[in-house]
Amino acid sequence: MVLAFVPVRSFAGVVKIIANPSVSVSSVSSGDIQSVFLLDLDSLGGSHVEPVLVKGGTAHEAFLKAYLGKDDPALHAFYRGLMFSGRASMPKFLETDADVVAYVARTRGAIGYVGNGVSTPGVKVLSVK
């Protein structure tokens, strides 16, 4: 058995974090990303934010590993727990990266992620510090 240790941050280069132009920040910390997508934080720089996720794929898996430290089943279980306890509602999951870009572009406060090579018209790409 061979074990490979890959730094978690190496997955971050596979995805880019995007936001609706109404979001006032141009950069975020990885901790802020985690807090937004784990529904602990609902604003960045004074702007309300709403996370949106892709249902699966390479970018989704890389995002989960790099920023949330969860796999997909664990993330869904986490969200269900918050939903059933009444502490939060389930965030929006969309089919494709293109769907995420379109949703983020038209939805005030939306923040999401897409594959690094995906075209992102109408949104701003946030740098991660």
Protein backbone atom coordinates (compact mmCIF):
# COMPACT_ATOMS: atom_id res chain seq x y z
CA MET A 1 0.00 0.00 0.00
CA VAL A 2 1.35 3.40 -1.02
CA LEU A 3 0.19 6.50 0.78
CA ALA A 4 0.47 9.84 -0.96
CA PHE A 5 0.31 13.05 1.01
CA VAL A 6 -0.77 16.01 -1.08
CA PRO A 7 -0.99 19.39 0.59
CA VAL A 8 -4.63 20.45 0.83
CA ARG A 9 -3.85 23.89 -0.59
CA SER A 10 -2.64 22.26 -3.84
CA PHE A 11 -6.30 21.60 -4.66
CA ALA A 12 -7.12 25.31 -4.37
CA GLY A 13 -5.46 26.03 -7.73
CA VAL A 14 -8.04 23.82 -9.45
CA VAL A 15 -10.90 26.17 -8.58
CA LYS A 16 -11.58 29.87 -8.54
CA ILE A 17 -13.93 31.62 -6.16
CA ILE A 18 -16.46 33.87 -7.88
CA ALA A 19 -18.91 36.45 -6.55
CA ASN A 20 -21.67 38.68 -7.78
CA PRO A 21 -20.33 42.20 -8.41
CA SER A 22 -22.47 43.43 -5.48
CA VAL A 23 -20.10 41.68 -3.05
CA SER A 24 -17.78 44.43 -1.86
CA VAL A 25 -14.61 42.40 -1.26
CA SER A 26 -12.06 41.47 -3.91
CA SER A 27 -10.16 38.96 -1.79
CA VAL A 28 -11.08 36.46 0.92
CA SER A 29 -9.23 34.20 3.30
CA SER A 30 -9.62 30.45 3.13
CA GLY A 31 -11.18 30.69 6.60
CA ASP A 32 -13.81 33.11 5.30
CA ILE A 33 -14.59 30.73 2.44
CA GLN A 34 -15.01 27.88 4.89
CA SER A 35 -17.22 29.98 7.16
CA VAL A 36 -19.45 31.14 4.29
CA PHE A 37 -19.92 27.67 2.81
CA LEU A 38 -20.44 26.05 6.22
CA LEU A 39 -23.09 28.71 6.89
CA ASP A 40 -21.29 30.28 9.87
CA LEU A 41 -20.84 33.62 8.10
CA ASP A 42 -23.43 35.41 5.94
CA SER A 43 -21.52 38.56 5.02
CA LEU A 44 -18.14 39.58 3.67
CA GLY A 45 -16.94 43.15 3.97
CA GLY A 46 -20.43 44.24 4.98
CA SER A 47 -22.07 42.59 1.95
CA HIS A 48 -24.60 39.80 2.44
CA VAL A 49 -23.42 36.59 0.75
CA GLU A 50 -25.24 33.44 -0.31
CA PRO A 51 -23.17 30.35 -1.16
CA VAL A 52 -23.94 28.29 -4.24
CA LEU A 53 -22.33 24.95 -5.02
CA VAL A 54 -21.90 22.59 -7.97
CA LYS A 55 -23.49 19.14 -7.54
CA GLY A 56 -20.32 17.24 -8.39
CA GLY A 57 -17.25 16.99 -10.56
CA THR A 58 -13.57 17.79 -10.32
CA ALA A 59 -13.97 21.41 -9.23
CA HIS A 60 -16.48 20.43 -6.55
CA GLU A 61 -14.23 17.73 -5.11
CA ALA A 62 -11.19 20.04 -5.19
CA PHE A 63 -13.16 22.82 -3.49
CA LEU A 64 -14.35 20.49 -0.73
CA LYS A 65 -10.83 19.21 -0.07
CA ALA A 66 -9.13 22.61 -0.26
CA TYR A 67 -11.59 24.73 1.71
CA LEU A 68 -14.11 22.63 3.65
CA GLY A 69 -12.18 19.52 4.64
CA LYS A 70 -15.21 17.35 3.86
CA ASP A 71 -16.23 14.92 1.17
CA ASP A 72 -19.57 15.25 -0.59
CA PRO A 73 -21.58 12.83 1.61
CA ALA A 74 -20.24 14.49 4.77
CA LEU A 75 -21.11 17.94 3.43
CA HIS A 76 -24.69 16.91 2.62
CA ALA A 77 -25.06 15.31 6.05
CA PHE A 78 -23.75 18.52 7.63
CA TYR A 79 -26.25 20.66 5.70
CA ARG A 80 -29.13 18.29 6.51
CA GLY A 81 -28.25 18.53 10.19
CA LEU A 82 -28.37 22.32 10.08
CA MET A 83 -31.61 22.25 8.11
CA PHE A 84 -33.40 19.78 10.39
CA SER A 85 -32.30 21.64 13.51
CA GLY A 86 -33.72 24.86 12.05
CA ARG A 87 -30.37 26.66 12.14
CA ALA A 88 -30.05 27.12 8.36
CA SER A 89 -31.60 26.19 5.05
CA MET A 90 -29.96 24.06 2.39
CA PRO A 91 -27.76 26.11 0.06
CA LYS A 92 -28.38 26.02 -3.68
CA PHE A 93 -26.67 23.21 -5.62
CA LEU A 94 -26.49 23.65 -9.40
CA GLU A 95 -25.70 21.14 -12.15
CA THR A 96 -22.71 22.71 -13.94
CA ASP A 97 -20.01 25.34 -13.61
CA ALA A 98 -21.83 27.36 -16.30
CA ASP A 99 -25.00 27.25 -14.18
CA VAL A 100 -23.03 28.56 -11.19
CA VAL A 101 -21.54 31.42 -13.23
CA ALA A 102 -24.99 32.40 -14.58
CA TYR A 103 -26.60 32.23 -11.12
CA VAL A 104 -23.81 34.20 -9.42
CA ALA A 105 -23.89 36.83 -12.19
CA ARG A 106 -27.61 37.51 -11.74
CA THR A 107 -28.01 36.99 -7.96
CA ARG A 108 -27.04 39.78 -5.60
CA GLY A 109 -24.67 38.49 -2.91
CA ALA A 110 -24.10 35.09 -4.52
CA ILE A 111 -20.69 33.49 -4.07
CA GLY A 112 -19.57 30.21 -5.61
CA TYR A 113 -16.70 28.36 -7.21
CA VAL A 114 -15.93 26.96 -10.64
CA GLY A 115 -13.09 25.14 -12.34
CA ASN A 116 -10.04 27.30 -12.95
CA GLY A 117 -10.44 27.15 -16.75
CA VAL A 118 -14.12 28.15 -16.80
CA SER A 119 -15.10 31.46 -18.42
CA THR A 120 -16.67 33.80 -15.84
CA PRO A 121 -18.44 36.69 -17.58
CA GLY A 122 -20.55 38.94 -15.35
CA VAL A 123 -18.92 37.90 -12.06
CA LYS A 124 -15.81 38.89 -10.21
CA VAL A 125 -13.09 36.41 -9.35
CA LEU A 126 -11.97 36.75 -5.73
CA SER A 127 -8.35 36.24 -4.83
CA VAL A 128 -7.74 33.92 -1.90
CA LYS A 129 -5.23 35.14 0.64
